[in-house]
Every structure is written in structure tokens, then in C-alpha cells.
Amino acid sequence: MTDTTSPTPERRGGTSNGVRAAARLDRLPPSRWHRRLTFIVGIGAFFDLYEIFLGGVLGAVLADQWHLGHTAKSWVIASGFLGMFVGANVLSVLADRFGRRRMFMVNLGAYSLFSLLSAFAPNLEWMLALRFLSGLGLGAELVLVDTYLAEFLPRAVRGRYIAYAYTFGFLGVPVAALLGARLVAAHELLGIDGWRWLLVAGALGAGFLQLMRSRLPESPRWLTVRGRGAEAERIVTGIEARVAAETGTTLPSVPEAEGVPERRVPLRDMFGADYRRRTVMWWIFQVLQTVGYYGFGSLAPVVLTEKGHTVTESLLYAALSFCGYPIGSALSIPLIDRIERRTLIIASALGIAGCGLAFGFASATWVIVGFGFALTVCSNVFSNAFHVYQTEIFPTGLRSSAIGIAYSLSRLTSVVLPFIALSVLTDLGAAAVFTGSAVLMVLLCLDVALLGPRTTGRSLERI
């Protein structure tokens, strides 16, 4: 219900009450409530990487079944990313306008519906249109995961718990990859093509997760910025009561709040004096990281078939390589609050570059799988570090929009990537593809080292 009372200092947002609400959340001890929230929100990360894996599977399988040429195969991979580009721009901006919780329900609902419909696509044209629409729904998922968790979790465990969230999500990826290899190898199940069952599974899983999320509270930080302090107070008080009951201890006293009161921030302020350097740094970062991180996940099955393996073998080897995703995510947990985020991003990016080079030049199966596995381990240390980092460098009133618009650039790069990478792969081979990727990851490291601020262990308001 919309509050129609006359404007007061609290309703204009950016008040000391808002800063105090943030301080009350930051000083809470970790509890079952925080862990449950982290799980329910974080499992959504699975669907993002599942879609990346699925694009590579569909590109490899449909090229054979539907006799697709080079360009059509590229569009199968790119169509979902194009939808994610639009969705990241639109839904992330709407999340700053209408709330994090509401957009959570919209984005997974749309993804579930259109993913289910795409399972029954009769031809390439329908497949591309429905993949675009399902990507549109999923586009802001990781932006919302990052934003929502950062605004609830105590600062002492913010990095570690967001890393836990992604670990939950990424556990499903090798399972999905192995399942995909089995379904594709079986060709049909109950008279339906195996690859269609992969689309059905994604749709049903997202629909179930949406039901789990229906009882999530709205972000108190967002509510105070929107001038809805009374609602924020009720939510924070309820959280404090649950945490006190679950931990069985008296809650710590509320410290003096750090930083200035947060307020509504116009979108144009991304390029104002306070945030211009961070915005430029993050836009460059998102364009470059796509090649190293998403390039492998979406292209691995196609690269392996180009190396001479069958489609079934390629999916199996990709699945074994993808086991590194949850392991890398788990390895980041003890590191992410101990090592400065910026440093961890740079170190893991260099790991991606080195392992990618080894994967591209390898010919022996055990070397391909081994370095593919090592690359995905590095990838998810990198991914978890940057997902935490991006939530910390923009204010609450701008957080979802700024992250989402920058993140959409990674999706736009992902649209273009298959056309360039597959052309290079065909003409010059896998070694050339991963050499180019390594060069771009080194440029990414320079970007973060020169322009990125320090954030580890600080409150969002202070940063």
C-alpha cells in the first residue's frame, strides 16, 4: 500500500534513521535466519550458469539435428545472452524503483514460463525467440542476488556468505552438465528429445524457487531510501527478534553508524564526480570478464567438438571440467573476507588466463579436462570476489541500476562473443581463441588495480 501522508524528512529518504537501520543489520551475529536467506536467494545463481551451459549444449546438439550452419549455431548461443542484456538493463533499474523482492518474482516467473515454452520450439526461429525471452527474465537474477544479500548480511560475513550463496548455486552445474550428457546421449526420453528435457528441468526448478522466495522480506535499506522508514523499522525489528531467539544471546549494542545517510540517487549520478571513476572501471571490467569467464562455459562443448571429439564425449569432458565451479566457489569462502577483494580478483583473473592458454593448446584428453577443471576453479574464486565487490562500490539508491547496467555490458559482449570466437576457432584454432582471452584478462587486471577502490571489511555506507 502506498503511503500518502505529507512529506517529512524521513519520507525524503537519506535520514539518520536509515543509517541506524543499516547499523542494526550490520551488527547482528550470523544466525540460521541469515543462512536460510542466503540459501534461498543464492540458489538462483544456478539458473544463470545453467543457461550458459545450456547454450553450449544446444549449439552443439541442434547443429547436428537441425543441420545448422556457423551463423545459426552462433545465434543459438547468443540469443539467450541478448535477452539477458535487455533484462539486466530493464529489471535492475526497476528494482531500484519498485523494490528488490518484487523484481525477484517477475524475473524468475518470466524465465520459468519461456524456458518451458522453448522446450516445445518446433524450429530455429521459435527457439531463438523463446531463448531471447527466457534470457530477458533471467537477465537481472545475479544483480538481484548480489544486491539483496549485500543489503541484509552483516558486514563481517558479507563476503563469505555471498560466496556460500554462489557455492549452493554452482553445485548444480556439474550435475546439470552430467545430466545433459546422459539425456543427449539417450536421444529421447518418453518420446521427447533429450535436449528438450533440459529446458523443462530449468523451467520447473525456477518455478519451485519462485515459490520459496515468495515470503522474502523487502530490503530495509531500500525502504529507507524510498522514504518508507516505518516498514523498514518493522522488518529490522522482526529480524532482530528472530536472530536473538535463534542464537539464544543478547544482541550486541548498536554502534555509532558509519558514513552519511543514504538517499535517492538519480541514474545520471553514475557519472558524477563521486562515482565516475568506479563506473568507468566497472564498465571496462564487465566487458573484459565476459571473455574469460562466460566464454569458457558457453563455448567449451563447441571447442571440444572442434578438437575432434564427438558431441557426447565433448559434453562429458565439459561436465568434468565444470566440477571446478562449485569447488572454486567453496575455496573462495575462507579467502574472500581475509584478502582484499581487489587483490583476489586480480590473482584469480591471472589464473583464468594461464589455465585458458593451457586448455587451448592441449591435445591429450587428460590435459584438456585437467586444465578445464583448473580454469573453472579459478573462475569461481574470481566470480565470487567480483560479485561481492560490485555490491560495495555503489550506494543503495543506485546499487541495482549501476550494477545491472554494467552487468548488461557483459551480456552484450556475450552476444557478440560466439560470432567472433567461433570464427577464430574455425580459422585459427582453439589456441588462438584462448590466447586472445588471456590478453584481455591481463587488461582487466590493470583496470581493477589502477581504478578500483578498497572495500573489504567496511560498511556499505562508509564505502
Protein backbone atom coordinates (compact mmCIF):
# COMPACT_ATOMS: atom_id res chain seq x y z
CA MET A 1 0.00 0.00 0.00
CA THR A 2 1.34 3.45 -0.89
CA ASP A 3 1.78 5.94 1.95
CA THR A 4 0.07 9.23 1.04
CA THR A 5 0.99 11.26 4.10
CA SER A 6 2.73 14.59 3.74
CA PRO A 7 6.46 14.64 3.10
CA THR A 8 8.69 14.54 6.16
CA PRO A 9 12.45 14.33 6.45
CA GLU A 10 12.13 10.58 6.81
CA ARG A 11 9.98 10.20 3.70
CA ARG A 12 12.51 12.02 1.56
CA GLY A 13 14.98 9.22 2.28
CA GLY A 14 18.58 9.60 3.30
CA THR A 15 17.95 10.05 7.05
CA SER A 16 19.84 9.15 10.18
CA ASN A 17 17.13 6.53 10.76
CA GLY A 18 18.21 4.85 7.53
CA VAL A 19 21.83 4.79 8.63
CA ARG A 20 20.80 3.39 12.03
CA ALA A 21 18.74 0.62 10.36
CA ALA A 22 21.84 -0.34 8.37
CA ALA A 23 23.96 -0.32 11.54
CA ARG A 24 21.41 -2.56 13.30
CA LEU A 25 21.62 -5.10 10.47
CA ASP A 26 25.42 -4.92 10.29
CA ARG A 27 25.96 -5.68 13.98
CA LEU A 28 23.81 -8.84 14.06
CA PRO A 29 25.59 -12.15 14.72
CA PRO A 30 25.24 -14.72 11.90
CA SER A 31 22.25 -16.99 12.51
CA ARG A 32 20.07 -19.67 10.95
CA TRP A 33 17.92 -16.88 9.53
CA HIS A 34 20.91 -15.44 7.64
CA ARG A 35 21.92 -18.87 6.36
CA ARG A 36 18.38 -19.70 5.23
CA LEU A 37 18.10 -16.37 3.42
CA THR A 38 21.49 -16.93 1.78
CA PHE A 39 20.44 -20.36 0.52
CA ILE A 40 17.03 -19.32 -0.86
CA VAL A 41 18.45 -16.29 -2.64
CA GLY A 42 21.76 -17.79 -3.70
CA ILE A 43 20.39 -20.92 -5.35
CA GLY A 44 19.19 -18.64 -8.14
CA ALA A 45 22.82 -18.39 -9.29
CA PHE A 46 22.41 -21.94 -10.58
CA PHE A 47 19.99 -20.86 -13.30
CA ASP A 48 22.36 -18.23 -14.67
CA LEU A 49 25.21 -20.69 -15.19
CA TYR A 50 22.76 -23.42 -16.20
CA GLU A 51 21.68 -21.18 -19.08
CA ILE A 52 25.31 -20.64 -20.10
CA PHE A 53 25.90 -24.39 -20.11
CA LEU A 54 22.63 -24.94 -21.96
CA GLY A 55 23.59 -22.51 -24.73
CA GLY A 56 26.70 -24.55 -25.49
CA VAL A 57 24.73 -27.82 -25.40
CA LEU A 58 22.02 -26.53 -27.73
CA GLY A 59 24.61 -25.09 -30.09
CA ALA A 60 26.36 -28.45 -30.36
CA VAL A 61 23.23 -30.66 -30.48
CA LEU A 62 21.00 -28.58 -32.75
CA ALA A 63 23.81 -28.03 -35.23
CA ASP A 64 23.62 -31.78 -35.79
CA GLN A 65 19.85 -32.32 -35.52
CA TRP A 66 18.69 -29.22 -37.39
CA HIS A 67 21.71 -29.04 -39.74
CA LEU A 68 22.67 -25.54 -38.62
CA GLY A 69 25.41 -23.54 -40.25
CA HIS A 70 28.07 -21.46 -38.50
CA THR A 71 25.92 -18.33 -38.13
CA ALA A 72 22.79 -20.17 -36.95
CA LYS A 73 24.82 -22.08 -34.36
CA SER A 74 26.22 -18.79 -33.07
CA TRP A 75 22.70 -17.36 -32.75
CA VAL A 76 21.56 -20.35 -30.67
CA ILE A 77 24.24 -19.44 -28.12
CA ALA A 78 23.82 -15.68 -28.47
CA SER A 79 20.00 -15.39 -28.30
CA GLY A 80 19.79 -16.09 -24.58
CA PHE A 81 22.58 -13.60 -23.86
CA LEU A 82 20.81 -10.94 -25.92
CA GLY A 83 17.72 -11.39 -23.76
CA MET A 84 19.89 -11.19 -20.63
CA PHE A 85 21.36 -7.90 -21.88
CA VAL A 86 17.91 -6.34 -22.17
CA GLY A 87 16.70 -7.89 -18.91
CA ALA A 88 19.74 -6.73 -16.93
CA ASN A 89 19.15 -3.15 -18.07
CA VAL A 90 15.39 -3.07 -17.56
CA LEU A 91 14.77 -5.22 -14.46
CA SER A 92 17.77 -3.94 -12.48
CA VAL A 93 16.63 -0.33 -12.95
CA LEU A 94 13.08 -1.33 -12.00
CA ALA A 95 14.47 -2.98 -8.84
CA ASP A 96 15.70 0.43 -7.66
CA ARG A 97 12.28 1.88 -8.46
CA PHE A 98 9.87 -0.87 -7.31
CA GLY A 99 11.94 -2.98 -4.92
CA ARG A 100 14.21 -5.99 -4.88
CA ARG A 101 11.61 -8.52 -3.80
CA ARG A 102 9.07 -7.64 -6.49
CA MET A 103 11.63 -7.98 -9.27
CA PHE A 104 12.74 -11.34 -7.87
CA MET A 105 9.23 -12.61 -8.52
CA VAL A 106 9.00 -11.08 -12.01
CA ASN A 107 12.34 -12.27 -13.33
CA LEU A 108 12.15 -15.95 -12.34
CA GLY A 109 8.48 -16.16 -13.32
CA ALA A 110 9.28 -14.95 -16.83
CA TYR A 111 12.29 -17.25 -17.14
CA SER A 112 10.31 -20.29 -16.00
CA LEU A 113 7.47 -19.65 -18.45
CA PHE A 114 9.55 -19.00 -21.55
CA SER A 115 12.07 -21.74 -20.80
CA LEU A 116 9.19 -24.21 -20.65
CA LEU A 117 7.77 -22.92 -23.93
CA SER A 118 11.18 -23.14 -25.62
CA ALA A 119 11.25 -26.86 -24.82
CA PHE A 120 8.48 -27.24 -27.41
CA ALA A 121 10.05 -24.98 -30.07
CA PRO A 122 9.36 -26.57 -33.48
CA ASN A 123 12.14 -24.82 -35.41
CA LEU A 124 15.11 -22.47 -35.16
CA GLU A 125 13.09 -19.25 -35.39
CA TRP A 126 10.84 -20.18 -32.46
CA MET A 127 13.82 -21.40 -30.48
CA LEU A 128 15.71 -18.12 -30.88
CA ALA A 129 12.67 -16.00 -29.96
CA LEU A 130 11.84 -18.03 -26.85
CA ARG A 131 15.50 -18.25 -25.76
CA PHE A 132 15.62 -14.45 -26.01
CA LEU A 133 12.50 -14.10 -23.82
CA SER A 134 13.74 -16.58 -21.20
CA GLY A 135 17.05 -14.70 -21.11
CA LEU A 136 15.11 -11.47 -20.65
CA GLY A 137 13.58 -12.88 -17.47
CA LEU A 138 16.89 -14.16 -16.16
CA GLY A 139 18.91 -11.07 -17.03
CA ALA A 140 18.81 -9.38 -13.62
CA GLU A 141 18.96 -12.54 -11.48
CA LEU A 142 22.59 -12.25 -10.36
CA VAL A 143 22.27 -8.48 -9.98
CA LEU A 144 19.34 -9.01 -7.62
CA VAL A 145 21.11 -11.83 -5.74
CA ASP A 146 24.12 -9.61 -5.11
CA THR A 147 22.13 -6.50 -4.23
CA TYR A 148 19.63 -8.22 -1.95
CA LEU A 149 22.16 -10.22 0.06
CA ALA A 150 24.56 -7.28 0.44
CA GLU A 151 21.76 -5.18 1.93
CA PHE A 152 20.81 -7.81 4.53
CA LEU A 153 24.04 -9.55 5.56
CA PRO A 154 26.22 -8.26 8.44
CA ARG A 155 29.37 -6.66 7.08
CA ALA A 156 31.66 -9.08 8.98
CA VAL A 157 30.34 -12.04 6.95
CA ARG A 158 29.03 -10.29 3.85
CA GLY A 159 31.72 -11.60 1.53
CA ARG A 160 31.78 -15.11 2.99
CA TYR A 161 28.01 -15.59 2.91
CA ILE A 162 27.65 -14.30 -0.65
CA ALA A 163 30.37 -16.82 -1.59
CA TYR A 164 28.30 -19.51 0.18
CA ALA A 165 25.27 -18.41 -1.86
CA TYR A 166 27.08 -18.91 -5.13
CA THR A 167 28.51 -22.23 -3.97
CA PHE A 168 24.96 -23.51 -3.41
CA GLY A 169 24.05 -22.43 -6.93
CA PHE A 170 27.13 -23.79 -8.62
CA LEU A 171 26.78 -27.23 -7.03
CA GLY A 172 24.01 -27.84 -9.52
CA VAL A 173 26.07 -27.01 -12.59
CA PRO A 174 28.19 -30.19 -12.93
CA VAL A 175 25.07 -32.19 -12.06
CA ALA A 176 23.20 -30.44 -14.86
CA ALA A 177 26.12 -30.96 -17.23
CA LEU A 178 26.33 -34.69 -16.46
CA LEU A 179 22.55 -34.99 -16.72
CA GLY A 180 22.70 -33.15 -20.04
CA ALA A 181 25.34 -35.52 -21.38
CA ARG A 182 23.17 -38.51 -20.40
CA LEU A 183 19.98 -37.04 -21.88
CA VAL A 184 21.67 -36.05 -25.13
CA ALA A 185 23.32 -39.47 -25.42
CA ALA A 186 19.93 -41.16 -24.86
CA HIS A 187 18.43 -39.04 -27.68
CA GLU A 188 14.87 -39.48 -26.40
CA LEU A 189 13.04 -39.93 -23.10
CA LEU A 190 9.30 -40.78 -23.18
CA GLY A 191 9.36 -39.98 -26.88
CA ILE A 192 10.75 -36.45 -26.34
CA ASP A 193 14.24 -35.34 -27.40
CA GLY A 194 16.71 -35.32 -24.52
CA TRP A 195 17.75 -31.70 -25.00
CA ARG A 196 14.12 -30.60 -24.60
CA TRP A 197 14.06 -32.19 -21.14
CA LEU A 198 16.94 -29.90 -20.14
CA LEU A 199 14.76 -26.88 -20.88
CA VAL A 200 11.83 -28.38 -18.96
CA ALA A 201 14.07 -29.07 -15.95
CA GLY A 202 15.27 -25.45 -15.86
CA ALA A 203 11.71 -24.14 -16.07
CA LEU A 204 10.35 -26.37 -13.28
CA GLY A 205 13.32 -25.66 -11.00
CA ALA A 206 12.93 -21.90 -11.41
CA GLY A 207 9.19 -22.13 -10.75
CA PHE A 208 9.79 -24.01 -7.50
CA LEU A 209 12.42 -21.48 -6.39
CA GLN A 210 10.00 -18.65 -7.07
CA LEU A 211 7.55 -20.21 -4.59
CA MET A 212 10.34 -20.42 -1.98
CA ARG A 213 11.12 -16.72 -2.49
CA SER A 214 7.52 -15.54 -2.19
CA ARG A 215 7.89 -14.94 1.58
CA LEU A 216 11.12 -12.96 1.45
CA PRO A 217 11.04 -9.51 3.11
CA GLU A 218 11.85 -6.31 1.25
CA SER A 219 15.27 -4.75 1.81
CA PRO A 220 15.15 -2.29 4.76
CA ARG A 221 17.97 -0.28 3.20
CA TRP A 222 15.92 0.15 0.02
CA LEU A 223 12.80 1.03 2.01
CA THR A 224 14.56 3.80 3.94
CA VAL A 225 15.98 5.29 0.75
CA ARG A 226 12.44 5.31 -0.67
CA GLY A 227 11.19 7.10 2.44
CA ARG A 228 9.33 4.09 3.89
CA GLY A 229 11.05 4.10 7.25
CA ALA A 230 8.15 2.60 9.22
CA GLU A 231 8.17 -0.54 7.05
CA ALA A 232 11.94 -0.79 7.36
CA GLU A 233 11.67 -0.49 11.15
CA ARG A 234 9.14 -3.35 11.33
CA ILE A 235 11.31 -5.62 9.19
CA VAL A 236 14.53 -4.88 11.09
CA THR A 237 12.80 -5.37 14.45
CA GLY A 238 11.41 -8.71 13.28
CA ILE A 239 14.83 -9.86 12.06
CA GLU A 240 16.42 -8.86 15.39
CA ALA A 241 13.81 -10.87 17.29
CA ARG A 242 14.41 -13.98 15.16
CA VAL A 243 18.19 -13.72 15.38
CA ALA A 244 18.03 -13.25 19.17
CA ALA A 245 15.77 -16.30 19.51
CA GLU A 246 17.93 -18.46 17.23
CA THR A 247 21.27 -17.53 18.79
CA GLY A 248 19.94 -17.52 22.36
CA THR A 249 22.06 -14.49 23.24
CA THR A 250 21.58 -10.82 23.86
CA LEU A 251 22.22 -8.87 20.68
CA PRO A 252 25.23 -6.52 20.60
CA SER A 253 24.50 -2.87 21.16
CA VAL A 254 24.05 -0.77 18.03
CA PRO A 255 27.33 1.01 17.26
CA GLU A 256 27.54 4.56 16.08
CA ALA A 257 26.63 4.43 12.41
CA GLU A 258 29.42 4.93 9.91
CA GLY A 259 29.12 7.06 6.80
CA VAL A 260 26.48 9.52 5.70
CA PRO A 261 22.74 8.83 5.38
CA GLU A 262 21.87 7.19 2.07
CA ARG A 263 19.39 8.88 -0.24
CA ARG A 264 17.74 8.52 -3.60
CA VAL A 265 20.39 8.84 -6.27
CA PRO A 266 19.50 9.84 -9.85
CA LEU A 267 20.81 7.48 -12.51
CA ARG A 268 22.92 10.26 -14.01
CA ASP A 269 24.97 10.38 -10.78
CA MET A 270 26.81 7.27 -12.00
CA PHE A 271 28.88 9.74 -13.99
CA GLY A 272 29.01 12.43 -11.31
CA ALA A 273 32.22 13.30 -9.51
CA ASP A 274 31.65 10.77 -6.70
CA TYR A 275 31.10 7.67 -8.83
CA ARG A 276 32.53 8.37 -12.32
CA ARG A 277 35.83 6.57 -11.70
CA ARG A 278 34.07 3.49 -10.27
CA THR A 279 31.52 3.40 -13.10
CA VAL A 280 34.15 3.58 -15.83
CA MET A 281 36.27 0.94 -14.07
CA TRP A 282 33.30 -1.43 -13.73
CA TRP A 283 32.06 -0.99 -17.29
CA ILE A 284 35.51 -1.88 -18.63
CA PHE A 285 35.68 -4.81 -16.19
CA GLN A 286 32.33 -6.28 -17.24
CA VAL A 287 33.18 -6.20 -20.94
CA LEU A 288 36.53 -7.92 -20.37
CA GLN A 289 35.50 -10.51 -17.78
CA THR A 290 32.90 -11.99 -20.11
CA VAL A 291 35.54 -13.40 -22.43
CA GLY A 292 37.42 -15.24 -19.69
CA TYR A 293 34.52 -16.38 -17.52
CA TYR A 294 31.47 -16.87 -19.75
CA GLY A 295 33.49 -17.65 -22.86
CA PHE A 296 34.65 -20.97 -21.47
CA GLY A 297 31.28 -22.03 -20.05
CA SER A 298 29.35 -21.28 -23.24
CA LEU A 299 31.95 -22.42 -25.79
CA ALA A 300 33.60 -25.44 -24.14
CA PRO A 301 31.41 -28.12 -25.82
CA VAL A 302 31.88 -26.46 -29.22
CA VAL A 303 35.66 -26.10 -28.73
CA LEU A 304 35.91 -29.77 -27.80
CA THR A 305 33.99 -30.90 -30.87
CA GLU A 306 36.36 -28.78 -32.98
CA LYS A 307 39.25 -30.63 -31.33
CA GLY A 308 37.84 -33.85 -32.82
CA HIS A 309 35.67 -35.27 -30.04
CA THR A 310 32.09 -36.44 -30.57
CA VAL A 311 29.21 -34.38 -29.17
CA THR A 312 28.64 -36.92 -26.36
CA GLU A 313 32.36 -37.00 -25.46
CA SER A 314 32.54 -33.21 -25.55
CA LEU A 315 29.61 -32.87 -23.14
CA LEU A 316 31.16 -35.42 -20.78
CA TYR A 317 34.55 -33.66 -20.77
CA ALA A 318 32.84 -30.30 -20.31
CA ALA A 319 30.86 -31.75 -17.38
CA LEU A 320 34.06 -32.97 -15.71
CA SER A 321 35.64 -29.55 -16.22
CA PHE A 322 32.55 -27.87 -14.76
CA CYS A 323 33.10 -29.72 -11.46
CA GLY A 324 35.57 -26.93 -10.74
CA TYR A 325 32.75 -24.38 -10.47
CA PRO A 326 31.42 -25.42 -7.03
CA ILE A 327 34.94 -26.30 -5.80
CA GLY A 328 36.31 -22.89 -6.79
CA SER A 329 33.31 -21.23 -5.18
CA ALA A 330 33.89 -23.18 -1.96
CA LEU A 331 37.61 -22.33 -1.99
CA SER A 332 36.75 -18.63 -2.13
CA ILE A 333 34.80 -18.78 1.16
CA PRO A 334 37.78 -18.69 3.57
CA LEU A 335 39.62 -16.21 1.35
CA ILE A 336 37.03 -13.61 0.50
CA ASP A 337 36.88 -11.75 3.84
CA ARG A 338 40.61 -12.17 4.55
CA ILE A 339 42.07 -10.95 1.27
CA GLU A 340 41.22 -7.54 -0.17
CA ARG A 341 38.57 -8.16 -2.86
CA ARG A 342 40.53 -6.22 -5.46
CA THR A 343 43.64 -8.36 -4.90
CA LEU A 344 41.66 -11.61 -5.07
CA ILE A 345 40.03 -10.55 -8.35
CA ILE A 346 43.41 -9.85 -9.94
CA ALA A 347 45.07 -13.08 -8.74
CA SER A 348 42.21 -15.31 -9.89
CA ALA A 349 41.94 -13.49 -13.25
CA LEU A 350 45.60 -14.30 -13.92
CA GLY A 351 44.79 -17.93 -13.07
CA ILE A 352 41.98 -17.92 -15.65
CA ALA A 353 44.36 -16.54 -18.28
CA GLY A 354 47.05 -19.17 -17.61
CA CYS A 355 44.68 -22.15 -17.46
CA GLY A 356 42.86 -20.97 -20.56
CA LEU A 357 46.11 -20.90 -22.51
CA ALA A 358 46.93 -24.45 -21.39
CA PHE A 359 43.39 -25.65 -22.29
CA GLY A 360 43.58 -24.04 -25.74
CA PHE A 361 46.94 -25.59 -26.64
CA ALA A 362 46.20 -29.04 -25.11
CA SER A 363 45.51 -32.11 -27.23
CA ALA A 364 45.62 -35.00 -24.73
CA THR A 365 42.25 -35.68 -23.11
CA TRP A 366 43.55 -35.69 -19.52
CA VAL A 367 45.28 -32.33 -20.09
CA ILE A 368 42.12 -30.81 -21.60
CA VAL A 369 39.96 -31.97 -18.68
CA GLY A 370 42.62 -31.09 -16.06
CA PHE A 371 43.15 -27.52 -17.22
CA GLY A 372 39.44 -27.06 -17.91
CA PHE A 373 38.83 -28.06 -14.30
CA ALA A 374 41.57 -25.69 -13.04
CA LEU A 375 40.13 -22.86 -15.15
CA THR A 376 36.66 -23.26 -13.63
CA VAL A 377 38.16 -23.36 -10.11
CA CYS A 378 39.90 -20.02 -10.76
CA SER A 379 36.74 -18.72 -12.45
CA ASN A 380 34.59 -19.06 -9.37
CA VAL A 381 37.11 -17.61 -6.97
CA PHE A 382 37.13 -14.71 -9.43
CA SER A 383 33.35 -14.66 -9.81
CA ASN A 384 32.55 -14.67 -6.09
CA ALA A 385 35.10 -11.94 -5.41
CA PHE A 386 33.73 -9.63 -8.07
CA HIS A 387 30.07 -10.27 -7.22
CA VAL A 388 30.75 -9.14 -3.65
CA TYR A 389 32.92 -6.24 -4.82
CA GLN A 390 30.32 -4.75 -7.16
CA THR A 391 27.70 -4.54 -4.39
CA GLU A 392 30.09 -2.47 -2.29
CA ILE A 393 31.13 0.27 -4.70
CA PHE A 394 27.73 1.89 -5.35
CA PRO A 395 25.16 3.36 -2.90
CA THR A 396 21.79 1.76 -2.08
CA GLY A 397 19.76 4.24 -4.15
CA LEU A 398 21.82 3.39 -7.22
CA ARG A 399 23.12 -0.09 -6.44
CA SER A 400 20.85 -2.30 -8.55
CA SER A 401 20.78 0.10 -11.52
CA ALA A 402 24.54 0.71 -11.59
CA ILE A 403 25.37 -2.98 -11.22
CA GLY A 404 22.69 -4.04 -13.70
CA ILE A 405 23.66 -1.60 -16.45
CA ALA A 406 27.34 -2.54 -16.13
CA TYR A 407 26.43 -6.23 -15.97
CA SER A 408 24.33 -5.89 -19.12
CA LEU A 409 27.51 -4.96 -20.98
CA SER A 410 28.85 -8.43 -20.16
CA ARG A 411 25.71 -9.91 -21.70
CA LEU A 412 26.08 -7.74 -24.79
CA THR A 413 29.66 -8.93 -25.11
CA SER A 414 28.35 -12.49 -24.75
CA VAL A 415 26.05 -11.89 -27.73
CA VAL A 416 28.97 -10.85 -29.93
CA LEU A 417 31.44 -13.39 -28.50
CA PRO A 418 30.17 -16.57 -30.23
CA PHE A 419 30.35 -14.95 -33.67
CA ILE A 420 33.93 -13.77 -33.16
CA ALA A 421 35.17 -16.76 -31.15
CA LEU A 422 33.67 -19.39 -33.45
CA SER A 423 35.14 -17.64 -36.49
CA VAL A 424 38.57 -17.54 -34.84
CA LEU A 425 38.13 -21.15 -33.73
CA THR A 426 37.32 -22.27 -37.27
CA ASP A 427 40.09 -20.27 -38.95
CA LEU A 428 42.91 -20.30 -36.36
CA GLY A 429 42.04 -22.98 -33.78
CA ALA A 430 41.41 -23.14 -30.02
CA ALA A 431 44.89 -21.87 -29.13
CA ALA A 432 44.18 -18.52 -30.81
CA VAL A 433 40.83 -18.17 -29.01
CA PHE A 434 42.36 -18.64 -25.56
CA THR A 435 45.43 -16.52 -26.33
CA GLY A 436 43.13 -13.61 -27.07
CA SER A 437 41.20 -14.34 -23.88
CA ALA A 438 44.40 -14.29 -21.81
CA VAL A 439 45.41 -10.88 -23.19
CA LEU A 440 42.00 -9.42 -22.27
CA MET A 441 42.19 -10.83 -18.73
CA VAL A 442 45.56 -9.11 -18.21
CA LEU A 443 43.97 -5.81 -19.31
CA LEU A 444 41.19 -6.47 -16.78
CA CYS A 445 43.77 -6.81 -14.01
CA LEU A 446 45.29 -3.44 -14.91
CA ASP A 447 41.82 -1.83 -14.92
CA VAL A 448 40.99 -3.04 -11.39
CA ALA A 449 44.46 -2.33 -9.99
CA LEU A 450 44.52 1.25 -11.26
CA LEU A 451 40.90 2.34 -10.78
CA GLY A 452 39.28 0.05 -8.17
CA PRO A 453 38.76 1.17 -4.53
CA ARG A 454 39.40 -0.96 -1.43
CA THR A 455 36.26 -2.33 0.24
CA THR A 456 36.94 -5.38 2.43
CA GLY A 457 35.58 -5.17 5.99
CA ARG A 458 33.92 -1.77 5.58
CA SER A 459 30.24 -0.89 5.92
CA LEU A 460 28.35 -0.17 2.70
CA GLU A 461 27.60 3.36 3.94
CA ARG A 462 31.27 4.10 4.66
CA ILE A 463 32.39 2.82 1.25
